[in-house]
PDB file of N, CA and C in Angstrom:
ATOM      1  N   MET A   1      -0.432   9.380  16.804  1.00  0.00           N
ATOM      2  CA  MET A   1       0.405   8.239  16.133  1.00  0.00           C
ATOM      3  C   MET A   1      -0.163   7.228  17.057  1.00  0.00           C
ATOM      4  N   GLU A   2      -0.989   6.331  17.742  1.00  0.00           N
ATOM      5  CA  GLU A   2      -1.200   6.017  18.693  1.00  0.00           C
ATOM      6  C   GLU A   2      -0.031   4.375  18.198  1.00  0.00           C
ATOM      7  N   ASP A   3       0.509   3.565  19.369  1.00  0.00           N
ATOM      8  CA  ASP A   3       1.011   2.498  18.472  1.00  0.00           C
ATOM      9  C   ASP A   3       2.029   2.571  17.241  1.00  0.00           C
ATOM     10  N   ALA A   4       1.938   4.092  16.497  1.00  0.00           N
ATOM     11  CA  ALA A   4       3.353   4.201  15.101  1.00  0.00           C
ATOM     12  C   ALA A   4       4.412   3.881  15.492  1.00  0.00           C
ATOM     13  N   ASP A   5       5.273   3.540  14.172  1.00  0.00           N
ATOM     14  CA  ASP A   5       6.628   3.200  14.452  1.00  0.00           C
ATOM     15  C   ASP A   5       7.310   4.387  13.478  1.00  0.00           C
ATOM     16  N   GLU A   6       7.989   5.108  13.751  1.00  0.00           N
ATOM     17  CA  GLU A   6       8.566   6.723  12.837  1.00  0.00           C
ATOM     18  C   GLU A   6       9.125   6.287  12.989  1.00  0.00           C
ATOM     19  N   GLN A   7       9.390   6.250  10.826  1.00  0.00           N
ATOM     20  CA  GLN A   7      11.214   5.835  10.992  1.00  0.00           C
ATOM     21  C   GLN A   7      10.757   7.285  10.283  1.00  0.00           C
ATOM     22  N   GLY A   8      10.922   8.004  10.362  1.00  0.00           N
ATOM     23  CA  GLY A   8      11.842   9.998   9.435  1.00  0.00           C
ATOM     24  C   GLY A   8      10.852  11.156   9.714  1.00  0.00           C
ATOM     25  N   ALA A   9      10.968  11.388   9.205  1.00  0.00           N
ATOM     26  CA  ALA A   9      11.192  13.213   9.586  1.00  0.00           C
ATOM     27  C   ALA A   9      11.441  14.028   8.488  1.00  0.00           C
ATOM     28  N   ALA A  10      10.744  15.155   7.445  1.00  0.00           N
ATOM     29  CA  ALA A  10      11.692  16.221   6.740  1.00  0.00           C
ATOM     30  C   ALA A  10      10.662  17.233   6.719  1.00  0.00           C
ATOM     31  N   VAL A  11      11.563  18.547   6.801  1.00  0.00           N
ATOM     32  CA  VAL A  11       9.932  19.797   6.838  1.00  0.00           C
ATOM     33  C   VAL A  11      11.102  20.408   5.236  1.00  0.00           C
ATOM     34  N   HIS A  12       9.236  20.751   5.505  1.00  0.00           N
ATOM     35  CA  HIS A  12       9.909  22.157   3.365  1.00  0.00           C
ATOM     36  C   HIS A  12       7.922  23.263   3.829  1.00  0.00           C
ATOM     37  N   ASP A  13       9.112  24.139   3.553  1.00  0.00           N
ATOM     38  CA  ASP A  13       7.211  24.945   3.370  1.00  0.00           C
ATOM     39  C   ASP A  13       6.465  24.792   3.991  1.00  0.00           C
ATOM     40  N   GLY A  14       6.603  24.748   5.883  1.00  0.00           N
ATOM     41  CA  GLY A  14       5.691  24.501   6.724  1.00  0.00           C
ATOM     42  C   GLY A  14       4.924  23.731   7.000  1.00  0.00           C
ATOM     43  N   THR A  15       5.655  22.283   6.554  1.00  0.00           N
ATOM     44  CA  THR A  15       4.864  21.387   6.148  1.00  0.00           C
ATOM     45  C   THR A  15       5.999  20.782   7.058  1.00  0.00           C
ATOM     46  N   LEU A  16       5.352  19.042   8.108  1.00  0.00           N
ATOM     47  CA  LEU A  16       6.473  18.525   8.485  1.00  0.00           C
ATOM     48  C   LEU A  16       5.716  17.329   7.791  1.00  0.00           C
ATOM     49  N   TYR A  17       5.966  16.762   6.916  1.00  0.00           N
ATOM     50  CA  TYR A  17       6.544  15.073   6.652  1.00  0.00           C
ATOM     51  C   TYR A  17       6.836  14.128   7.961  1.00  0.00           C
ATOM     52  N   VAL A  18       5.860  12.851   8.127  1.00  0.00           N
ATOM     53  CA  VAL A  18       6.381  11.683   9.410  1.00  0.00           C
ATOM     54  C   VAL A  18       5.870  10.092   8.159  1.00  0.00           C
ATOM     55  N   ASN A  19       6.895   9.157   7.924  1.00  0.00           N
ATOM     56  CA  ASN A  19       7.224   9.020   7.932  1.00  0.00           C
ATOM     57  C   ASN A  19       6.552   7.144   8.732  1.00  0.00           C
ATOM     58  N   GLU A  20       5.222   6.612   9.236  1.00  0.00           N
ATOM     59  CA  GLU A  20       5.155   5.673   9.625  1.00  0.00           C
ATOM     60  C   GLU A  20       4.660   4.430   8.712  1.00  0.00           C
ATOM     61  N   SER A  21       6.239   3.377   9.836  1.00  0.00           N
ATOM     62  CA  SER A  21       5.676   2.543   9.448  1.00  0.00           C
ATOM     63  C   SER A  21       4.886   1.663   9.639  1.00  0.00           C
ATOM     64  N   LYS A  22       4.228   0.889   8.680  1.00  0.00           N
ATOM     65  CA  LYS A  22       3.579  -1.270   9.727  1.00  0.00           C
ATOM     66  C   LYS A  22       4.202  -1.791  10.142  1.00  0.00           C
ATOM     67  N   GLY A  23       5.153  -2.305   9.042  1.00  0.00           N
ATOM     68  CA  GLY A  23       5.903  -3.564   8.980  1.00  0.00           C
ATOM     69  C   GLY A  23       6.262  -4.209   7.743  1.00  0.00           C
ATOM     70  N   THR A  24       7.072  -4.821   7.373  1.00  0.00           N
ATOM     71  CA  THR A  24       7.121  -5.360   5.548  1.00  0.00           C
ATOM     72  C   THR A  24       6.019  -5.697   5.754  1.00  0.00           C
ATOM     73  N   ASP A  25       4.659  -6.248   5.754  1.00  0.00           N
ATOM     74  CA  ASP A  25       3.986  -7.019   5.288  1.00  0.00           C
ATOM     75  C   ASP A  25       2.311  -5.558   4.311  1.00  0.00           C
ATOM     76  N   GLU A  26       1.874  -4.751   4.463  1.00  0.00           N
ATOM     77  CA  GLU A  26       1.240  -3.573   4.826  1.00  0.00           C
ATOM     78  C   GLU A  26       1.936  -2.711   4.512  1.00  0.00           C
ATOM     79  N   PRO A  27       1.430  -1.042   3.674  1.00  0.00           N
ATOM     80  CA  PRO A  27       2.088  -0.350   3.399  1.00  0.00           C
ATOM     81  C   PRO A  27       2.207   0.673   4.850  1.00  0.00           C
ATOM     82  N   GLY A  28       3.061   1.745   4.297  1.00  0.00           N
ATOM     83  CA  GLY A  28       3.571   2.668   5.714  1.00  0.00           C
ATOM     84  C   GLY A  28       1.972   3.897   5.253  1.00  0.00           C
ATOM     85  N   ASN A  29       2.550   4.129   6.252  1.00  0.00           N
ATOM     86  CA  ASN A  29       1.679   6.381   6.074  1.00  0.00           C
ATOM     87  C   ASN A  29       2.122   7.054   5.736  1.00  0.00           C
ATOM     88  N   LEU A  30       2.564   8.172   5.191  1.00  0.00           N
ATOM     89  CA  LEU A  30       3.171   9.473   5.268  1.00  0.00           C
ATOM     90  C   LEU A  30       1.808  10.536   6.172  1.00  0.00           C
ATOM     91  N   TRP A  31       2.430  11.055   6.725  1.00  0.00           N
ATOM     92  CA  TRP A  31       1.743  11.868   7.734  1.00  0.00           C
ATOM     93  C   TRP A  31       2.484  13.578   7.007  1.00  0.00           C
ATOM     94  N   ARG A  32       1.124  14.527   7.314  1.00  0.00           N
ATOM     95  CA  ARG A  32       1.941  15.657   7.678  1.00  0.00           C
ATOM     96  C   ARG A  32       0.728  16.285   8.343  1.00  0.00           C
ATOM     97  N   TYR A  33       2.253  17.273   9.059  1.00  0.00           N
ATOM     98  CA  TYR A  33       1.440  18.515   9.919  1.00  0.00           C
ATOM     99  C   TYR A  33       1.645  20.250   9.725  1.00  0.00           C
ATOM    100  N   ASP A  34       1.324  21.173   9.810  1.00  0.00           N
ATOM    101  CA  ASP A  34       1.278  21.891   9.557  1.00  0.00           C
ATOM    102  C   ASP A  34       2.652  22.505  11.214  1.00  0.00           C
ATOM    103  N   TRP A  35       3.581  23.416  10.478  1.00  0.00           N
ATOM    104  CA  TRP A  35       5.553  22.709  11.474  1.00  0.00           C
ATOM    105  C   TRP A  35       5.147  24.761  11.462  1.00  0.00           C
ATOM    106  N   ASN A  36       5.890  24.988  13.120  1.00  0.00           N
ATOM    107  CA  ASN A  36       5.901  25.883  13.177  1.00  0.00           C
ATOM    108  C   ASN A  36       6.889  25.930  14.788  1.00  0.00           C
ATOM    109  N   LEU A  37       7.900  26.331  14.795  1.00  0.00           N
ATOM    110  CA  LEU A  37       8.561  26.435  15.803  1.00  0.00           C
ATOM    111  C   LEU A  37       7.749  26.984  17.282  1.00  0.00           C
ATOM    112  N   ASP A  38       7.165  27.527  17.768  1.00  0.00           N
ATOM    113  CA  ASP A  38       6.745  27.558  18.475  1.00  0.00           C
ATOM    114  C   ASP A  38       5.165  27.058  19.680  1.00  0.00           C
ATOM    115  N   GLU A  39       5.176  26.153  17.916  1.00  0.00           N
ATOM    116  CA  GLU A  39       3.774  25.561  18.724  1.00  0.00           C
ATOM    117  C   GLU A  39       3.563  24.115  18.574  1.00  0.00           C
ATOM    118  N   GLU A  40       3.006  23.457  19.049  1.00  0.00           N
ATOM    119  CA  GLU A  40       2.704  22.038  18.884  1.00  0.00           C
ATOM    120  C   GLU A  40       2.266  21.557  17.218  1.00  0.00           C
ATOM    121  N   PRO A  41       2.974  20.617  16.503  1.00  0.00           N
ATOM    122  CA  PRO A  41       2.538  19.944  15.282  1.00  0.00           C
ATOM    123  C   PRO A  41       0.713  20.171  14.790  1.00  0.00           C
ATOM    124  N   VAL A  42       0.059  20.422  13.974  1.00  0.00           N
ATOM    125  CA  VAL A  42      -1.683  20.071  14.308  1.00  0.00           C
ATOM    126  C   VAL A  42      -1.465  19.053  13.400  1.00  0.00           C
ATOM    127  N   ALA A  43      -2.068  17.436  13.187  1.00  0.00           N
ATOM    128  CA  ALA A  43      -2.427  16.739  11.756  1.00  0.00           C
ATOM    129  C   ALA A  43      -3.216  18.293  10.827  1.00  0.00           C
ATOM    130  N   ASN A  44      -2.379  17.507   9.388  1.00  0.00           N
ATOM    131  CA  ASN A  44      -3.110  18.631   8.474  1.00  0.00           C
ATOM    132  C   ASN A  44      -4.094  17.180   7.317  1.00  0.00           C
ATOM    133  N   GLY A  45      -4.889  16.609   7.240  1.00  0.00           N
ATOM    134  CA  GLY A  45      -5.687  15.950   6.257  1.00  0.00           C
ATOM    135  C   GLY A  45      -5.113  14.647   6.341  1.00  0.00           C
ATOM    136  N   ARG A  46      -5.404  13.771   6.099  1.00  0.00           N
ATOM    137  CA  ARG A  46      -5.236  11.786   6.743  1.00  0.00           C
ATOM    138  C   ARG A  46      -3.607  11.977   6.248  1.00  0.00           C
ATOM    139  N   PRO A  47      -3.431  10.002   6.488  1.00  0.00           N
ATOM    140  CA  PRO A  47      -2.477  10.625   6.507  1.00  0.00           C
ATOM    141  C   PRO A  47      -2.612   8.859   4.960  1.00  0.00           C
ATOM    142  N   VAL A  48      -1.254   9.529   4.139  1.00  0.00           N
ATOM    143  CA  VAL A  48      -2.006   9.612   2.380  1.00  0.00           C
ATOM    144  C   VAL A  48      -0.573   7.367   2.918  1.00  0.00           C
ATOM    145  N   LYS A  49      -1.027   6.855   2.280  1.00  0.00           N
ATOM    146  CA  LYS A  49      -0.067   5.546   1.769  1.00  0.00           C
ATOM    147  C   LYS A  49       0.552   5.786   1.139  1.00  0.00           C
ATOM    148  N   THR A  50       1.973   4.364   1.950  1.00  0.00           N
ATOM    149  CA  THR A  50       3.068   5.250   1.646  1.00  0.00           C
ATOM    150  C   THR A  50       3.862   3.407   0.780  1.00  0.00           C
ATOM    151  N   ALA A  51       4.776   3.154   0.527  1.00  0.00           N
ATOM    152  CA  ALA A  51       5.886   1.584  -0.079  1.00  0.00           C
ATOM    153  C   ALA A  51       5.193   1.100   2.018  1.00  0.00           C
ATOM    154  N   ARG A  52       5.254  -0.437   2.401  1.00  0.00           N
ATOM    155  CA  ARG A  52       5.426  -1.118   2.753  1.00  0.00           C
ATOM    156  C   ARG A  52       7.164  -0.758   3.465  1.00  0.00           C
ATOM    157  N   GLY A  53       6.750  -0.658   4.547  1.00  0.00           N
ATOM    158  CA  GLY A  53       7.922  -1.342   5.267  1.00  0.00           C
ATOM    159  C   GLY A  53       8.470   0.903   4.953  1.00  0.00           C
ATOM    160  N   ALA A  54       8.058   1.610   5.221  1.00  0.00           N
ATOM    161  CA  ALA A  54       8.894   3.273   5.458  1.00  0.00           C
ATOM    162  C   ALA A  54       9.479   2.933   5.966  1.00  0.00           C
ATOM    163  N   GLU A  55      10.312   4.180   5.846  1.00  0.00           N
ATOM    164  CA  GLU A  55      11.928   4.172   6.199  1.00  0.00           C
ATOM    165  C   GLU A  55      12.072   5.626   6.851  1.00  0.00           C
ATOM    166  N   ASP A  56      13.214   6.012   5.953  1.00  0.00           N
ATOM    167  CA  ASP A  56      13.400   7.537   6.454  1.00  0.00           C
ATOM    168  C   ASP A  56      12.829   8.655   5.881  1.00  0.00           C
ATOM    169  N   LEU A  57      13.494   9.851   5.318  1.00  0.00           N
ATOM    170  CA  LEU A  57      12.652  10.305   4.496  1.00  0.00           C
ATOM    171  C   LEU A  57      13.467  12.245   4.064  1.00  0.00           C
ATOM    172  N   CYS A  58      13.348  12.927   2.959  1.00  0.00           N
ATOM    173  CA  CYS A  58      14.032  13.276   3.210  1.00  0.00           C
ATOM    174  C   CYS A  58      13.177  14.525   2.081  1.00  0.00           C
ATOM    175  N   VAL A  59      14.252  15.699   2.032  1.00  0.00           N
ATOM    176  CA  VAL A  59      13.353  16.770   0.830  1.00  0.00           C
ATOM    177  C   VAL A  59      15.142  17.031  -0.098  1.00  0.00           C
ATOM    178  N   GLU A  60      14.277  17.066  -1.536  1.00  0.00           N
ATOM    179  CA  GLU A  60      15.599  17.120  -1.848  1.00  0.00           C
ATOM    180  C   GLU A  60      15.295  19.012  -2.330  1.00  0.00           C
ATOM    181  N   ARG A  61      16.210  19.551  -1.817  1.00  0.00           N
ATOM    182  CA  ARG A  61      15.805  20.824  -1.590  1.00  0.00           C
ATOM    183  C   ARG A  61      15.780  21.390  -3.345  1.00  0.00           C
ATOM    184  N   GLY A  62      14.502  21.898  -3.734  1.00  0.00           N
ATOM    185  CA  GLY A  62      15.011  23.421  -4.633  1.00  0.00           C
ATOM    186  C   GLY A  62      13.817  21.888  -6.190  1.00  0.00           C
ATOM    187  N   THR A  63      13.231  21.251  -5.651  1.00  0.00           N
ATOM    188  CA  THR A  63      12.660  20.238  -6.864  1.00  0.00           C
ATOM    189  C   THR A  63      11.146  19.668  -6.249  1.00  0.00           C
ATOM    190  N   GLY A  64      11.313  19.536  -4.730  1.00  0.00           N
ATOM    191  CA  GLY A  64       9.864  19.924  -4.322  1.00  0.00           C
ATOM    192  C   GLY A  64       9.647  18.853  -4.495  1.00  0.00           C
ATOM    193  N   ARG A  65      10.731  17.831  -4.373  1.00  0.00           N
ATOM    194  CA  ARG A  65      10.412  15.910  -4.468  1.00  0.00           C
ATOM    195  C   ARG A  65      10.946  15.454  -1.870  1.00  0.00           C
ATOM    196  N   LEU A  66       9.866  14.430  -1.846  1.00  0.00           N
ATOM    197  CA  LEU A  66      10.085  14.150  -0.876  1.00  0.00           C
ATOM    198  C   LEU A  66      10.697  12.545  -1.324  1.00  0.00           C
ATOM    199  N   TRP A  67      11.723  11.964  -0.570  1.00  0.00           N
ATOM    200  CA  TRP A  67      12.338  10.728  -1.055  1.00  0.00           C
ATOM    201  C   TRP A  67      12.746  10.299   0.212  1.00  0.00           C
ATOM    202  N   SER A  68      12.094   8.453   0.079  1.00  0.00           N
ATOM    203  CA  SER A  68      11.962   7.712   0.764  1.00  0.00           C
ATOM    204  C   SER A  68      12.660   7.103   0.958  1.00  0.00           C
ATOM    205  N   LEU A  69      12.745   5.752   1.663  1.00  0.00           N
ATOM    206  CA  LEU A  69      13.192   4.825   1.583  1.00  0.00           C
ATOM    207  C   LEU A  69      12.672   3.570   2.155  1.00  0.00           C
ATOM    208  N   SER A  70      12.470   2.351   1.564  1.00  0.00           N
ATOM    209  CA  SER A  70      11.654   1.254   2.411  1.00  0.00           C
ATOM    210  C   SER A  70      12.119  -0.049   2.399  1.00  0.00           C
ATOM    211  N   GLU A  71      12.286  -0.994   3.333  1.00  0.00           N
ATOM    212  CA  GLU A  71      13.184  -1.347   3.846  1.00  0.00           C
ATOM    213  C   GLU A  71      11.898  -3.124   3.783  1.00  0.00           C
ATOM    214  N   HIS A  72      12.027  -3.922   3.036  1.00  0.00           N
ATOM    215  CA  HIS A  72      11.192  -5.032   2.729  1.00  0.00           C
ATOM    216  C   HIS A  72      11.708  -6.549   3.083  1.00  0.00           C
ATOM    217  N   ARG A  73      11.120  -7.496   3.465  1.00  0.00           N
ATOM    218  CA  ARG A  73      11.629  -9.200   2.766  1.00  0.00           C
ATOM    219  C   ARG A  73      10.986  -9.189   1.970  1.00  0.00           C
ATOM    220  N   PRO A  74      12.510  -9.327   0.651  1.00  0.00           N
ATOM    221  CA  PRO A  74      10.657 -10.005  -0.297  1.00  0.00           C
ATOM    222  C   PRO A  74      10.608 -11.973  -0.590  1.00  0.00           C
ATOM    223  N   GLY A  75       9.482 -12.196  -1.450  1.00  0.00           N
ATOM    224  CA  GLY A  75       9.179 -13.347  -1.055  1.00  0.00           C
ATOM    225  C   GLY A  75       7.853 -13.590  -1.196  1.00  0.00           C
ATOM    226  N   SER A  76       7.665 -14.770  -1.123  1.00  0.00           N
ATOM    227  CA  SER A  76       6.644 -14.867  -0.660  1.00  0.00           C
ATOM    228  C   SER A  76       5.074 -15.370   0.265  1.00  0.00           C
ATOM    229  N   ALA A  77       6.215 -15.103   1.730  1.00  0.00           N
ATOM    230  CA  ALA A  77       6.194 -15.631   2.809  1.00  0.00           C
ATOM    231  C   ALA A  77       4.947 -14.134   3.208  1.00  0.00           C
ATOM    232  N   SER A  78       3.989 -15.602   3.751  1.00  0.00           N
ATOM    233  CA  SER A  78       2.603 -13.988   4.438  1.00  0.00           C
ATOM    234  C   SER A  78       3.545 -13.270   5.454  1.00  0.00           C
ATOM    235  N   ASP A  79       3.944 -13.473   6.079  1.00  0.00           N
ATOM    236  CA  ASP A  79       4.380 -13.023   8.231  1.00  0.00           C
ATOM    237  C   ASP A  79       5.768 -12.425   7.622  1.00  0.00           C
ATOM    238  N   CYS A  80       6.854 -12.424   6.658  1.00  0.00           N
ATOM    239  CA  CYS A  80       7.698 -11.600   5.826  1.00  0.00           C
ATOM    240  C   CYS A  80       9.023 -11.224   6.886  1.00  0.00           C
ATOM    241  N   THR A  81       8.983 -12.206   7.381  1.00  0.00           N
ATOM    242  CA  THR A  81      10.123 -12.581   8.907  1.00  0.00           C
ATOM    243  C   THR A  81      11.130 -12.690   8.049  1.00  0.00           C
ATOM    244  N   ALA A  82      11.988 -12.827   8.712  1.00  0.00           N
ATOM    245  CA  ALA A  82      12.912 -13.362   8.232  1.00  0.00           C
ATOM    246  C   ALA A  82      13.693 -14.632   8.259  1.00  0.00           C
ATOM    247  N   ASN A  83      12.684 -15.255   8.345  1.00  0.00           N
ATOM    248  CA  ASN A  83      12.747 -16.745   8.608  1.00  0.00           C
ATOM    249  C   ASN A  83      11.950 -17.352   6.766  1.00  0.00           C
ATOM    250  N   ARG A  84      13.202 -17.751   6.206  1.00  0.00           N
ATOM    251  CA  ARG A  84      12.874 -18.248   4.228  1.00  0.00           C
ATOM    252  C   ARG A  84      11.334 -18.939   4.145  1.00  0.00           C
ATOM    253  N   ASP A  85      10.378 -18.804   4.034  1.00  0.00           N
ATOM    254  CA  ASP A  85       9.264 -19.280   3.314  1.00  0.00           C
ATOM    255  C   ASP A  85      10.352 -20.615   2.532  1.00  0.00           C
ATOM    256  N   ALA A  86       9.541 -21.902   2.739  1.00  0.00           N
ATOM    257  CA  ALA A  86       9.805 -22.821   1.237  1.00  0.00           C
ATOM    258  C   ALA A  86      10.072 -22.640   0.623  1.00  0.00           C
ATOM    259  N   ALA A  87       8.631 -21.924   0.080  1.00  0.00           N
ATOM    260  CA  ALA A  87       8.665 -21.509  -1.977  1.00  0.00           C
ATOM    261  C   ALA A  87       9.832 -20.458  -1.704  1.00  0.00           C
ATOM    262  N   ASP A  88       9.805 -20.061  -0.860  1.00  0.00           N
ATOM    263  CA  ASP A  88      10.609 -18.927  -1.383  1.00  0.00           C
ATOM    264  C   ASP A  88      11.834 -18.969  -2.293  1.00  0.00           C
ATOM    265  N   PRO A  89      11.928 -18.578  -2.886  1.00  0.00           N
ATOM    266  CA  PRO A  89      13.868 -18.787  -3.854  1.00  0.00           C
ATOM    267  C   PRO A  89      14.741 -18.505  -3.175  1.00  0.00           C
ATOM    268  N   VAL A  90      15.496 -19.388  -3.238  1.00  0.00           N
ATOM    269  CA  VAL A  90      16.901 -19.576  -2.694  1.00  0.00           C
ATOM    270  C   VAL A  90      17.734 -17.932  -2.673  1.00  0.00           C
ATOM    271  N   GLY A  91      17.996 -17.746  -1.172  1.00  0.00           N
ATOM    272  CA  GLY A  91      18.801 -15.742  -1.334  1.00  0.00           C
ATOM    273  C   GLY A  91      17.450 -14.697  -1.686  1.00  0.00           C
ATOM    274  N   THR A  92      16.507 -14.842  -0.809  1.00  0.00           N
ATOM    275  CA  THR A  92      15.104 -14.361  -0.882  1.00  0.00           C
ATOM    276  C   THR A  92      14.878 -13.687   0.933  1.00  0.00           C
ATOM    277  N   ASP A  93      16.094 -14.626   1.453  1.00  0.00           N
ATOM    278  CA  ASP A  93      15.675 -14.097   3.083  1.00  0.00           C
ATOM    279  C   ASP A  93      16.732 -13.049   3.666  1.00  0.00           C
ATOM    280  N   HIS A  94      16.841 -11.950   2.667  1.00  0.00           N
ATOM    281  CA  HIS A  94      18.068 -10.767   3.260  1.00  0.00           C
ATOM    282  C   HIS A  94      16.764  -9.472   3.001  1.00  0.00           C
ATOM    283  N   CYS A  95      17.111  -8.784   4.372  1.00  0.00           N
ATOM    284  CA  CYS A  95      16.445  -7.176   3.526  1.00  0.00           C
ATOM    285  C   CYS A  95      16.175  -6.509   1.929  1.00  0.00           C
ATOM    286  N   ARG A  96      15.202  -6.423   1.520  1.00  0.00           N
ATOM    287  CA  ARG A  96      15.623  -5.593   0.655  1.00  0.00           C
ATOM    288  C   ARG A  96      15.081  -3.513   0.401  1.00  0.00           C
ATOM    289  N   ARG A  97      15.731  -2.746  -0.049  1.00  0.00           N
ATOM    290  CA  ARG A  97      15.923  -1.494   0.607  1.00  0.00           C
ATOM    291  C   ARG A  97      15.153  -1.183  -1.746  1.00  0.00           C
ATOM    292  N   VAL A  98      14.443  -0.586  -1.269  1.00  0.00           N
ATOM    293  CA  VAL A  98      13.772   0.760  -2.310  1.00  0.00           C
ATOM    294  C   VAL A  98      13.521   2.152  -2.441  1.00  0.00           C
ATOM    295  N   LEU A  99      14.583   2.491  -3.434  1.00  0.00           N
ATOM    296  CA  LEU A  99      13.686   4.286  -2.766  1.00  0.00           C
ATOM    297  C   LEU A  99      12.666   4.883  -3.948  1.00  0.00           C
ATOM    298  N   HIS A 100      11.699   6.006  -3.253  1.00  0.00           N
ATOM    299  CA  HIS A 100      10.478   5.939  -3.331  1.00  0.00           C
ATOM    300  C   HIS A 100      10.715   7.911  -3.736  1.00  0.00           C
ATOM    301  N   GLY A 101       9.925   8.627  -4.262  1.00  0.00           N
ATOM    302  CA  GLY A 101       9.338   9.048  -4.707  1.00  0.00           C
ATOM    303  C   GLY A 101       8.610  10.160  -4.688  1.00  0.00           C
ATOM    304  N   HIS A 102       8.786  10.917  -4.293  1.00  0.00           N
ATOM    305  CA  HIS A 102       6.899  11.565  -3.471  1.00  0.00           C
ATOM    306  C   HIS A 102       7.359  12.975  -4.532  1.00  0.00           C
ATOM    307  N   GLU A 103       5.995  13.408  -5.172  1.00  0.00           N
ATOM    308  CA  GLU A 103       6.060  14.469  -5.476  1.00  0.00           C
ATOM    309  C   GLU A 103       5.546  15.985  -4.123  1.00  0.00           C
ATOM    310  N   VAL A 104       5.662  16.887  -4.135  1.00  0.00           N
ATOM    311  CA  VAL A 104       5.230  17.317  -3.050  1.00  0.00           C
ATOM    312  C   VAL A 104       3.714  17.857  -3.195  1.00  0.00           C
ATOM    313  N   SER A 105       3.456  18.676  -4.208  1.00  0.00           N
ATOM    314  CA  SER A 105       2.296  19.221  -4.396  1.00  0.00           C
ATOM    315  C   SER A 105       1.370  17.692  -4.591  1.00  0.00           C
ATOM    316  N   ARG A 106       1.731  16.769  -4.994  1.00  0.00           N
ATOM    317  CA  ARG A 106       0.684  15.887  -5.487  1.00  0.00           C
ATOM    318  C   ARG A 106       0.815  15.639  -3.824  1.00  0.00           C
ATOM    319  N   VAL A 107       1.345  14.390  -2.450  1.00  0.00           N
ATOM    320  CA  VAL A 107       1.099  14.234  -1.328  1.00  0.00           C
ATOM    321  C   VAL A 107       0.212  15.027  -0.945  1.00  0.00           C
ATOM    322  N   ASP A 108       0.165  16.974  -1.425  1.00  0.00           N
ATOM    323  CA  ASP A 108      -0.543  18.565   0.025  1.00  0.00           C
ATOM    324  C   ASP A 108      -1.419  18.004  -1.100  1.00  0.00           C
ATOM    325  N   SER A 109      -2.183  17.759  -2.183  1.00  0.00           N
ATOM    326  CA  SER A 109      -2.835  18.133  -2.445  1.00  0.00           C
ATOM    327  C   SER A 109      -4.042  16.873  -2.446  1.00  0.00           C
ATOM    328  N   ARG A 110      -3.717  15.818  -1.565  1.00  0.00           N
ATOM    329  CA  ARG A 110      -4.706  14.881  -0.811  1.00  0.00           C
ATOM    330  C   ARG A 110      -5.332  15.313   0.579  1.00  0.00           C
ATOM    331  N   PRO A 111      -6.268  14.893   0.570  1.00  0.00           N
ATOM    332  CA  PRO A 111      -7.142  15.422   1.246  1.00  0.00           C
ATOM    333  C   PRO A 111      -6.351  14.835   2.894  1.00  0.00           C
TER     334      PRO A 111
END
């Protein structure tokens, strides 16, 4: 994952899941790796696209769900920086946080 910004990781049933943020203006990636404490992690398939600004990642035990928090700036500014675009409504120059759920079985069924 060259030039990646890894944000969160969680292990579930022998798979390491890692959120990679691509910044606030494009979707992030959810990577999967075969996980064994005695060996180097091995990539398992292509990354799954996820929310823009993907951050932390955790597993809800017993449910088979991954939870991820994304952080991004709302509004219409193409660069999504902290500088509010004049076309954006007043008050949209702050960071929004959104919780996302992923079913492990659906993520793992992706190539």
